[in-house]
Amino acid sequence: MKAITTKYAGPTNSRGSRIIVKAEGCPSRQYGCDDELNVEENHIQAAKAYRNLMGWSGEMLGGGLPDSTGYCFCFAKSHVKVEV
């Protein structure tokens, strides 16, 4: 199962605000923030764009990480089953 993590990067003198997206064993990617969207929506859009770029499919579940460091998204159906 792949987990996609997203993290906000603020604007610099040469770049606007962006979301940095990563997944284990895959290259990271940056997506510009859309001022029309709220914080959570920007993270969701970036995760979806990354999922599509990587050729993955399926419903994702996500939520915020501790200390407001970003978000994590996992696929609802995967080959890994966790017993609770």
Protein backbone atom coordinates (compact mmCIF):
# COMPACT_ATOMS: atom_id res chain seq x y z
CA MET A 1 0.00 0.00 0.00
CA LYS A 2 1.26 3.47 -0.83
CA ALA A 3 0.77 6.43 1.45
CA ILE A 4 0.90 9.89 -0.08
CA THR A 5 2.06 12.72 2.19
CA THR A 6 1.58 16.39 1.52
CA LYS A 7 3.27 19.39 3.11
CA TYR A 8 2.76 23.13 2.65
CA ALA A 9 5.66 25.28 1.45
CA GLY A 10 5.22 29.03 1.76
CA PRO A 11 5.98 31.58 -0.93
CA THR A 12 9.50 32.75 -1.73
CA ASN A 13 10.77 35.67 -3.80
CA SER A 14 10.55 33.54 -6.94
CA ARG A 15 7.76 31.02 -6.24
CA GLY A 16 4.24 31.10 -4.90
CA SER A 17 2.82 28.88 -2.16
CA ARG A 18 2.86 25.20 -3.05
CA ILE A 19 2.15 21.72 -1.77
CA ILE A 20 5.02 19.21 -1.78
CA VAL A 21 3.81 15.65 -2.35
CA LYS A 22 5.77 12.46 -1.62
CA ALA A 23 5.33 8.69 -1.57
CA GLU A 24 7.86 6.05 -0.58
CA GLY A 25 10.07 5.01 -3.47
CA CYS A 26 8.65 7.68 -5.80
CA PRO A 27 9.89 11.12 -6.83
CA SER A 28 8.43 14.09 -4.99
CA ARG A 29 6.38 16.66 -6.86
CA GLN A 30 5.24 20.22 -6.16
CA TYR A 31 1.84 21.69 -7.00
CA GLY A 32 0.93 25.35 -6.78
CA CYS A 33 -1.76 26.38 -4.30
CA ASP A 34 -5.08 27.60 -5.65
CA ASP A 35 -6.22 30.71 -3.77
CA GLU A 36 -9.84 29.73 -4.45
CA LEU A 37 -9.44 26.59 -2.31
CA ASN A 38 -8.99 26.27 1.44
CA VAL A 39 -5.95 24.59 3.01
CA GLU A 40 -7.42 21.08 3.14
CA GLU A 41 -8.78 21.31 -0.42
CA ASN A 42 -5.32 22.30 -1.74
CA HIS A 43 -3.77 19.23 -0.09
CA ILE A 44 -6.51 16.98 -1.49
CA GLN A 45 -6.11 18.37 -5.02
CA ALA A 46 -2.33 17.90 -4.87
CA ALA A 47 -2.70 14.30 -3.63
CA LYS A 48 -5.20 13.51 -6.41
CA ALA A 49 -2.95 15.05 -9.07
CA TYR A 50 0.00 12.99 -7.79
CA ARG A 51 -2.12 9.81 -7.69
CA ASN A 52 -3.08 10.40 -11.33
CA LEU A 53 0.51 11.23 -12.34
CA MET A 54 1.73 7.96 -10.83
CA GLY A 55 -1.02 5.99 -12.61
CA TRP A 56 -2.63 4.84 -9.38
CA SER A 57 -6.37 4.59 -8.95
CA GLY A 58 -8.90 4.18 -6.22
CA GLU A 59 -10.59 6.05 -3.45
CA MET A 60 -8.25 7.74 -0.99
CA LEU A 61 -8.80 8.42 2.69
CA GLY A 62 -6.83 11.16 4.34
CA GLY A 63 -6.33 13.35 7.32
CA GLY A 64 -4.04 15.82 9.00
CA LEU A 65 -0.73 14.87 10.53
CA PRO A 66 0.28 15.85 14.09
CA ASP A 67 1.44 19.40 14.75
CA SER A 68 -0.04 20.62 11.45
CA THR A 69 2.91 19.24 9.48
CA GLY A 70 0.73 18.24 6.54
CA TYR A 71 -1.65 15.51 5.45
CA CYS A 72 -1.44 11.80 4.70
CA PHE A 73 -3.61 9.94 2.18
CA CYS A 74 -3.98 6.16 1.83
CA PHE A 75 -6.05 4.10 -0.55
CA ALA A 76 -9.32 2.74 0.87
CA LYS A 77 -8.75 -0.70 -0.66
CA SER A 78 -5.29 -2.19 -0.65
CA HIS A 79 -3.50 -5.49 -0.54
CA VAL A 80 -2.46 -4.95 3.09
CA LYS A 81 -4.92 -6.05 5.73
CA VAL A 82 -4.44 -4.86 9.27
CA GLU A 83 -6.10 -6.80 12.07
CA VAL A 84 -7.43 -4.70 14.92
